[in-house]
Amino acid sequence: MSDLYKSMQVSASGLRAQGTRLRVISENIANADSVSQEPGGAPYRRKMVTFGHELSRELGVEKVVIKDVISDKSNFRREYLPGHPAADEDGYILRPNVNSLIEMTDMREAQRSYEANLQAIQASKSMLQQTLEILR
């Protein structure tokens, strides 16, 4: 199997992993201001993607895989809003542990990694096409 084909497969696995990471980040941003509807209830908890690698015996290369999507165990933010329906007996509501600035930074990093994998696939494809042209 061609090394160029292998590199395309590795980059494609990176595209899939970063696509999943972007989806999780988008979910975090969408829920950054959500609160529980029950007094004292827990709000949305931030999620994070962990990566791993897996040996593809068919290709003889290691591919990027999503190991797990885990919940961030950091504390929720507390806000004093005594009239809110989700306020506890002390008048506090819990806000999600999502920091929009961190999410936007992570999103930009994931986007750049996605683009780098896409460029690697395009370069491999171009080299394969040039090789076929030479062999004609």
N, C-alpha and C. Protein backbone atom coordinates (compact mmCIF):
# COMPACT_ATOMS: atom_id res chain seq x y z
N MET A 1 0.85 -1.18 0.00
CA MET A 1 0.00 0.00 0.00
C MET A 1 0.90 1.25 0.00
N SER A 2 0.53 2.21 -0.76
CA SER A 2 1.33 3.42 -0.93
C SER A 2 1.46 4.22 0.36
N ASP A 3 2.66 4.76 0.58
CA ASP A 3 2.87 5.61 1.74
C ASP A 3 2.00 6.86 1.67
N LEU A 4 1.75 7.35 0.47
CA LEU A 4 0.89 8.52 0.31
C LEU A 4 -0.54 8.20 0.74
N TYR A 5 -1.00 7.01 0.40
CA TYR A 5 -2.33 6.59 0.81
C TYR A 5 -2.40 6.46 2.34
N LYS A 6 -1.35 5.92 2.92
CA LYS A 6 -1.30 5.80 4.38
C LYS A 6 -1.36 7.17 5.05
N SER A 7 -0.59 8.12 4.51
CA SER A 7 -0.60 9.46 5.10
C SER A 7 -1.97 10.10 4.98
N MET A 8 -2.67 9.82 3.88
CA MET A 8 -4.03 10.34 3.72
C MET A 8 -4.97 9.74 4.76
N GLN A 9 -4.81 8.47 5.05
CA GLN A 9 -5.66 7.81 6.04
C GLN A 9 -5.40 8.35 7.46
N VAL A 10 -4.14 8.61 7.78
CA VAL A 10 -3.80 9.17 9.09
C VAL A 10 -4.38 10.57 9.21
N SER A 11 -4.23 11.36 8.17
CA SER A 11 -4.78 12.73 8.19
C SER A 11 -6.30 12.71 8.26
N ALA A 12 -6.92 11.76 7.59
CA ALA A 12 -8.39 11.64 7.64
C ALA A 12 -8.85 11.30 9.06
N SER A 13 -8.09 10.49 9.76
CA SER A 13 -8.46 10.17 11.15
C SER A 13 -8.32 11.43 12.01
N GLY A 14 -7.33 12.26 11.72
CA GLY A 14 -7.19 13.53 12.42
C GLY A 14 -8.35 14.46 12.14
N LEU A 15 -8.83 14.48 10.90
CA LEU A 15 -10.01 15.28 10.54
C LEU A 15 -11.23 14.85 11.34
N ARG A 16 -11.44 13.55 11.43
CA ARG A 16 -12.60 13.05 12.19
C ARG A 16 -12.50 13.42 13.67
N ALA A 17 -11.31 13.28 14.23
CA ALA A 17 -11.11 13.60 15.65
C ALA A 17 -11.34 15.08 15.91
N GLN A 18 -10.78 15.94 15.07
CA GLN A 18 -10.97 17.38 15.28
C GLN A 18 -12.41 17.80 15.00
N GLY A 19 -13.08 17.12 14.08
CA GLY A 19 -14.50 17.39 13.84
C GLY A 19 -15.34 17.10 15.08
N THR A 20 -15.04 16.00 15.75
CA THR A 20 -15.73 15.67 17.00
C THR A 20 -15.41 16.69 18.07
N ARG A 21 -14.16 17.09 18.15
CA ARG A 21 -13.75 18.10 19.14
C ARG A 21 -14.50 19.41 18.90
N LEU A 22 -14.64 19.83 17.64
CA LEU A 22 -15.37 21.05 17.32
C LEU A 22 -16.84 20.94 17.71
N ARG A 23 -17.43 19.75 17.51
CA ARG A 23 -18.83 19.55 17.89
C ARG A 23 -19.01 19.69 19.40
N VAL A 24 -18.10 19.12 20.18
CA VAL A 24 -18.18 19.19 21.64
C VAL A 24 -17.98 20.63 22.12
N ILE A 25 -17.03 21.33 21.52
CA ILE A 25 -16.80 22.73 21.88
C ILE A 25 -18.05 23.57 21.57
N SER A 26 -18.67 23.32 20.43
CA SER A 26 -19.89 24.04 20.06
C SER A 26 -21.01 23.79 21.07
N GLU A 27 -21.11 22.55 21.53
CA GLU A 27 -22.11 22.22 22.55
C GLU A 27 -21.83 22.97 23.85
N ASN A 28 -20.56 23.06 24.22
CA ASN A 28 -20.20 23.81 25.43
C ASN A 28 -20.59 25.28 25.30
N ILE A 29 -20.28 25.88 24.16
CA ILE A 29 -20.60 27.29 23.96
C ILE A 29 -22.10 27.52 23.96
N ALA A 30 -22.84 26.61 23.33
CA ALA A 30 -24.30 26.74 23.27
C ALA A 30 -24.94 26.66 24.65
N ASN A 31 -24.30 25.96 25.58
CA ASN A 31 -24.87 25.78 26.92
C ASN A 31 -24.18 26.63 27.98
N ALA A 32 -23.38 27.60 27.57
CA ALA A 32 -22.60 28.41 28.52
C ALA A 32 -23.47 29.20 29.49
N ASP A 33 -24.69 29.54 29.10
CA ASP A 33 -25.55 30.34 29.96
C ASP A 33 -26.76 29.57 30.50
N SER A 34 -26.79 28.28 30.27
CA SER A 34 -27.94 27.50 30.73
C SER A 34 -27.85 27.24 32.24
N VAL A 35 -29.00 27.21 32.87
CA VAL A 35 -29.06 26.91 34.30
C VAL A 35 -30.12 25.84 34.52
N SER A 36 -30.10 25.24 35.67
CA SER A 36 -31.09 24.24 36.03
C SER A 36 -32.46 24.89 36.17
N GLN A 37 -33.50 24.15 35.92
CA GLN A 37 -34.86 24.64 36.10
C GLN A 37 -35.39 24.33 37.49
N GLU A 38 -34.61 23.55 38.25
CA GLU A 38 -35.01 23.15 39.60
C GLU A 38 -34.21 23.94 40.63
N PRO A 39 -34.81 24.34 41.71
CA PRO A 39 -34.05 25.05 42.75
C PRO A 39 -32.87 24.21 43.25
N GLY A 40 -31.68 24.79 43.20
CA GLY A 40 -30.48 24.11 43.68
C GLY A 40 -29.96 23.04 42.74
N GLY A 41 -30.56 22.91 41.56
CA GLY A 41 -30.16 21.88 40.61
C GLY A 41 -28.85 22.21 39.91
N ALA A 42 -28.24 21.20 39.35
CA ALA A 42 -26.95 21.36 38.67
C ALA A 42 -27.18 21.82 37.23
N PRO A 43 -26.38 22.78 36.77
CA PRO A 43 -26.47 23.23 35.38
C PRO A 43 -25.67 22.32 34.45
N TYR A 44 -25.55 22.74 33.22
CA TYR A 44 -24.75 22.02 32.23
C TYR A 44 -23.31 21.94 32.71
N ARG A 45 -22.69 20.79 32.52
CA ARG A 45 -21.28 20.60 32.88
C ARG A 45 -20.46 20.51 31.60
N ARG A 46 -19.40 21.30 31.54
CA ARG A 46 -18.51 21.35 30.38
C ARG A 46 -17.98 19.97 30.03
N LYS A 47 -17.86 19.70 28.73
CA LYS A 47 -17.31 18.43 28.25
C LYS A 47 -15.98 18.69 27.56
N MET A 48 -15.12 17.68 27.60
CA MET A 48 -13.81 17.75 26.96
C MET A 48 -13.55 16.45 26.21
N VAL A 49 -12.80 16.55 25.13
CA VAL A 49 -12.45 15.39 24.31
C VAL A 49 -11.03 14.95 24.66
N THR A 50 -10.85 13.66 24.82
CA THR A 50 -9.51 13.11 25.00
C THR A 50 -9.16 12.27 23.77
N PHE A 51 -7.93 12.41 23.33
CA PHE A 51 -7.48 11.72 22.13
C PHE A 51 -6.62 10.51 22.49
N GLY A 52 -6.56 9.60 21.57
CA GLY A 52 -5.70 8.44 21.71
C GLY A 52 -5.20 8.05 20.33
N HIS A 53 -4.56 6.92 20.24
CA HIS A 53 -4.10 6.41 18.95
C HIS A 53 -4.41 4.92 18.89
N GLU A 54 -4.60 4.48 17.68
CA GLU A 54 -4.97 3.08 17.46
C GLU A 54 -4.18 2.57 16.26
N LEU A 55 -3.62 1.41 16.41
CA LEU A 55 -2.87 0.81 15.32
C LEU A 55 -3.83 0.21 14.30
N SER A 56 -3.67 0.64 13.06
CA SER A 56 -4.43 0.04 11.97
C SER A 56 -3.55 -1.05 11.37
N ARG A 57 -3.88 -2.29 11.66
CA ARG A 57 -3.07 -3.40 11.16
C ARG A 57 -3.12 -3.49 9.64
N GLU A 58 -4.25 -3.12 9.08
CA GLU A 58 -4.41 -3.15 7.63
C GLU A 58 -3.44 -2.19 6.94
N LEU A 59 -3.27 -0.99 7.52
CA LEU A 59 -2.39 0.01 6.92
C LEU A 59 -0.99 -0.01 7.49
N GLY A 60 -0.84 -0.51 8.72
CA GLY A 60 0.45 -0.51 9.37
C GLY A 60 0.84 0.86 9.90
N VAL A 61 -0.16 1.65 10.26
CA VAL A 61 0.08 2.98 10.82
C VAL A 61 -0.81 3.19 12.03
N GLU A 62 -0.46 4.20 12.82
CA GLU A 62 -1.30 4.55 13.96
C GLU A 62 -2.20 5.72 13.58
N LYS A 63 -3.48 5.57 13.88
CA LYS A 63 -4.47 6.59 13.57
C LYS A 63 -4.89 7.31 14.84
N VAL A 64 -5.34 8.54 14.68
CA VAL A 64 -5.87 9.32 15.80
C VAL A 64 -7.31 8.87 16.05
N VAL A 65 -7.66 8.66 17.30
CA VAL A 65 -9.03 8.29 17.66
C VAL A 65 -9.47 9.11 18.86
N ILE A 66 -10.78 9.25 18.99
CA ILE A 66 -11.34 9.88 20.17
C ILE A 66 -11.36 8.80 21.25
N LYS A 67 -10.63 9.05 22.31
CA LYS A 67 -10.58 8.09 23.41
C LYS A 67 -11.86 8.16 24.23
N ASP A 68 -12.25 9.41 24.56
CA ASP A 68 -13.45 9.57 25.38
C ASP A 68 -13.88 11.04 25.37
N VAL A 69 -15.14 11.27 25.67
CA VAL A 69 -15.65 12.61 25.92
C VAL A 69 -15.99 12.63 27.41
N ILE A 70 -15.23 13.43 28.16
CA ILE A 70 -15.36 13.43 29.61
C ILE A 70 -15.95 14.75 30.10
N SER A 71 -16.50 14.71 31.28
CA SER A 71 -17.04 15.92 31.91
C SER A 71 -15.95 16.60 32.73
N ASP A 72 -15.93 17.93 32.64
CA ASP A 72 -14.99 18.74 33.42
C ASP A 72 -15.49 18.77 34.86
N LYS A 73 -14.65 18.36 35.78
CA LYS A 73 -15.05 18.25 37.19
C LYS A 73 -14.85 19.55 37.98
N SER A 74 -14.49 20.64 37.30
CA SER A 74 -14.29 21.90 38.02
C SER A 74 -15.61 22.42 38.59
N ASN A 75 -15.51 23.29 39.56
CA ASN A 75 -16.69 23.80 40.26
C ASN A 75 -17.55 24.69 39.37
N PHE A 76 -18.84 24.67 39.65
CA PHE A 76 -19.75 25.58 38.98
C PHE A 76 -19.57 26.98 39.57
N ARG A 77 -19.93 27.99 38.80
CA ARG A 77 -19.90 29.36 39.31
C ARG A 77 -21.21 29.61 40.07
N ARG A 78 -21.12 30.33 41.18
CA ARG A 78 -22.31 30.68 41.96
C ARG A 78 -22.65 32.14 41.74
N GLU A 79 -23.93 32.41 41.60
CA GLU A 79 -24.38 33.78 41.40
C GLU A 79 -25.58 34.03 42.30
N TYR A 80 -25.58 35.19 42.94
CA TYR A 80 -26.67 35.54 43.85
C TYR A 80 -27.82 36.14 43.06
N LEU A 81 -28.90 35.37 42.90
CA LEU A 81 -30.13 35.80 42.22
C LEU A 81 -31.32 35.25 42.98
N PRO A 82 -31.71 35.88 44.07
CA PRO A 82 -32.74 35.31 44.94
C PRO A 82 -34.10 35.11 44.28
N GLY A 83 -34.45 35.86 43.27
CA GLY A 83 -35.77 35.71 42.64
C GLY A 83 -35.81 34.69 41.52
N HIS A 84 -34.69 34.11 41.18
CA HIS A 84 -34.62 33.16 40.07
C HIS A 84 -35.26 31.84 40.47
N PRO A 85 -36.00 31.19 39.54
CA PRO A 85 -36.63 29.90 39.87
C PRO A 85 -35.65 28.79 40.26
N ALA A 86 -34.41 28.89 39.81
CA ALA A 86 -33.42 27.85 40.13
C ALA A 86 -32.61 28.19 41.38
N ALA A 87 -32.94 29.28 42.05
CA ALA A 87 -32.17 29.68 43.24
C ALA A 87 -32.42 28.71 44.39
N ASP A 88 -31.33 28.45 45.13
CA ASP A 88 -31.46 27.58 46.30
C ASP A 88 -32.02 28.40 47.47
N GLU A 89 -32.09 27.79 48.65
CA GLU A 89 -32.68 28.47 49.82
C GLU A 89 -31.89 29.72 50.24
N ASP A 90 -30.60 29.82 49.82
CA ASP A 90 -29.79 31.00 50.14
C ASP A 90 -29.85 32.06 49.04
N GLY A 91 -30.56 31.77 47.94
CA GLY A 91 -30.70 32.74 46.86
C GLY A 91 -29.65 32.63 45.77
N TYR A 92 -28.86 31.57 45.77
CA TYR A 92 -27.81 31.40 44.78
C TYR A 92 -28.24 30.42 43.69
N ILE A 93 -27.81 30.71 42.47
CA ILE A 93 -27.97 29.76 41.37
C ILE A 93 -26.58 29.30 40.95
N LEU A 94 -26.53 28.12 40.37
CA LEU A 94 -25.27 27.60 39.85
C LEU A 94 -25.22 27.84 38.35
N ARG A 95 -24.10 28.37 37.90
CA ARG A 95 -23.87 28.61 36.48
C ARG A 95 -22.93 27.53 35.95
N PRO A 96 -23.02 27.19 34.65
CA PRO A 96 -22.13 26.18 34.07
C PRO A 96 -20.66 26.54 34.24
N ASN A 97 -19.82 25.52 34.27
CA ASN A 97 -18.37 25.71 34.41
C ASN A 97 -17.72 25.92 33.04
N VAL A 98 -18.42 26.61 32.15
CA VAL A 98 -17.94 26.88 30.80
C VAL A 98 -17.41 28.31 30.75
N ASN A 99 -16.16 28.45 30.31
CA ASN A 99 -15.55 29.76 30.09
C ASN A 99 -15.49 29.97 28.58
N SER A 100 -16.27 30.92 28.08
CA SER A 100 -16.36 31.13 26.64
C SER A 100 -15.02 31.47 26.00
N LEU A 101 -14.16 32.18 26.71
CA LEU A 101 -12.85 32.52 26.18
C LEU A 101 -12.01 31.26 25.96
N ILE A 102 -12.04 30.36 26.91
CA ILE A 102 -11.30 29.09 26.77
C ILE A 102 -11.88 28.27 25.62
N GLU A 103 -13.20 28.24 25.52
CA GLU A 103 -13.84 27.48 24.44
C GLU A 103 -13.47 28.04 23.07
N MET A 104 -13.45 29.36 22.95
CA MET A 104 -13.10 29.97 21.66
C MET A 104 -11.63 29.70 21.32
N THR A 105 -10.76 29.70 22.31
CA THR A 105 -9.35 29.39 22.09
C THR A 105 -9.19 27.93 21.66
N ASP A 106 -9.90 27.03 22.33
CA ASP A 106 -9.86 25.61 21.95
C ASP A 106 -10.43 25.41 20.54
N MET A 107 -11.47 26.17 20.22
CA MET A 107 -12.09 26.04 18.90
C MET A 107 -11.10 26.47 17.81
N ARG A 108 -10.39 27.55 18.06
CA ARG A 108 -9.41 28.03 17.08
C ARG A 108 -8.29 27.00 16.90
N GLU A 109 -7.84 26.40 17.99
CA GLU A 109 -6.80 25.37 17.91
C GLU A 109 -7.29 24.15 17.13
N ALA A 110 -8.51 23.73 17.40
CA ALA A 110 -9.08 22.58 16.68
C ALA A 110 -9.25 22.91 15.20
N GLN A 111 -9.66 24.13 14.91
CA GLN A 111 -9.83 24.54 13.52
C GLN A 111 -8.50 24.51 12.77
N ARG A 112 -7.46 25.00 13.41
CA ARG A 112 -6.14 24.99 12.77
C ARG A 112 -5.63 23.57 12.55
N SER A 113 -5.86 22.71 13.50
CA SER A 113 -5.45 21.31 13.34
C SER A 113 -6.25 20.65 12.22
N TYR A 114 -7.53 20.94 12.15
CA TYR A 114 -8.38 20.41 11.08
C TYR A 114 -7.84 20.86 9.72
N GLU A 115 -7.54 22.15 9.61
CA GLU A 115 -7.02 22.70 8.36
C GLU A 115 -5.68 22.08 7.98
N ALA A 116 -4.81 21.85 8.97
CA ALA A 116 -3.51 21.24 8.70
C ALA A 116 -3.67 19.82 8.16
N ASN A 117 -4.59 19.06 8.74
CA ASN A 117 -4.86 17.70 8.25
C ASN A 117 -5.44 17.74 6.84
N LEU A 118 -6.30 18.69 6.58
CA LEU A 118 -6.89 18.84 5.25
C LEU A 118 -5.82 19.18 4.21
N GLN A 119 -4.90 20.06 4.56
CA GLN A 119 -3.81 20.41 3.65
C GLN A 119 -2.89 19.22 3.40
N ALA A 120 -2.66 18.40 4.42
CA ALA A 120 -1.83 17.21 4.24
C ALA A 120 -2.50 16.23 3.27
N ILE A 121 -3.81 16.09 3.38
CA ILE A 121 -4.54 15.21 2.45
C ILE A 121 -4.45 15.76 1.03
N GLN A 122 -4.63 17.05 0.89
CA GLN A 122 -4.56 17.66 -0.44
C GLN A 122 -3.17 17.53 -1.05
N ALA A 123 -2.12 17.66 -0.24
CA ALA A 123 -0.75 17.50 -0.74
C ALA A 123 -0.51 16.06 -1.18
N SER A 124 -0.98 15.10 -0.39
CA SER A 124 -0.82 13.69 -0.77
C SER A 124 -1.59 13.38 -2.05
N LYS A 125 -2.77 13.91 -2.16
CA LYS A 125 -3.59 13.70 -3.36
C LYS A 125 -2.89 14.28 -4.59
N SER A 126 -2.32 15.46 -4.43
CA SER A 126 -1.61 16.10 -5.54
C SER A 126 -0.39 15.27 -5.96
N MET A 127 0.35 14.75 -4.98
CA MET A 127 1.51 13.91 -5.29
C MET A 127 1.10 12.63 -6.00
N LEU A 128 -0.02 12.03 -5.57
CA LEU A 128 -0.51 10.83 -6.25
C LEU A 128 -0.90 11.12 -7.69
N GLN A 129 -1.55 12.25 -7.90
CA GLN A 129 -1.94 12.64 -9.26
C GLN A 129 -0.72 12.87 -10.14
N GLN A 130 0.31 13.51 -9.60
CA GLN A 130 1.53 13.76 -10.36
C GLN A 130 2.25 12.46 -10.68
N THR A 131 2.21 11.52 -9.75
CA THR A 131 2.82 10.22 -10.00
C THR A 131 2.10 9.51 -11.13
N LEU A 132 0.79 9.55 -11.14
CA LEU A 132 0.02 8.93 -12.23
C LEU A 132 0.30 9.60 -13.57
N GLU A 133 0.47 10.90 -13.57
CA GLU A 133 0.80 11.63 -14.80
C GLU A 133 2.14 11.17 -15.36
N ILE A 134 3.11 10.98 -14.46
CA ILE A 134 4.45 10.54 -14.88
C ILE A 134 4.40 9.14 -15.46
N LEU A 135 3.57 8.28 -14.88
CA LEU A 135 3.50 6.88 -15.31
C LEU A 135 2.74 6.69 -16.62
N ARG A 136 2.04 7.70 -17.06
CA ARG A 136 1.28 7.56 -18.32
C ARG A 136 2.15 7.50 -19.49
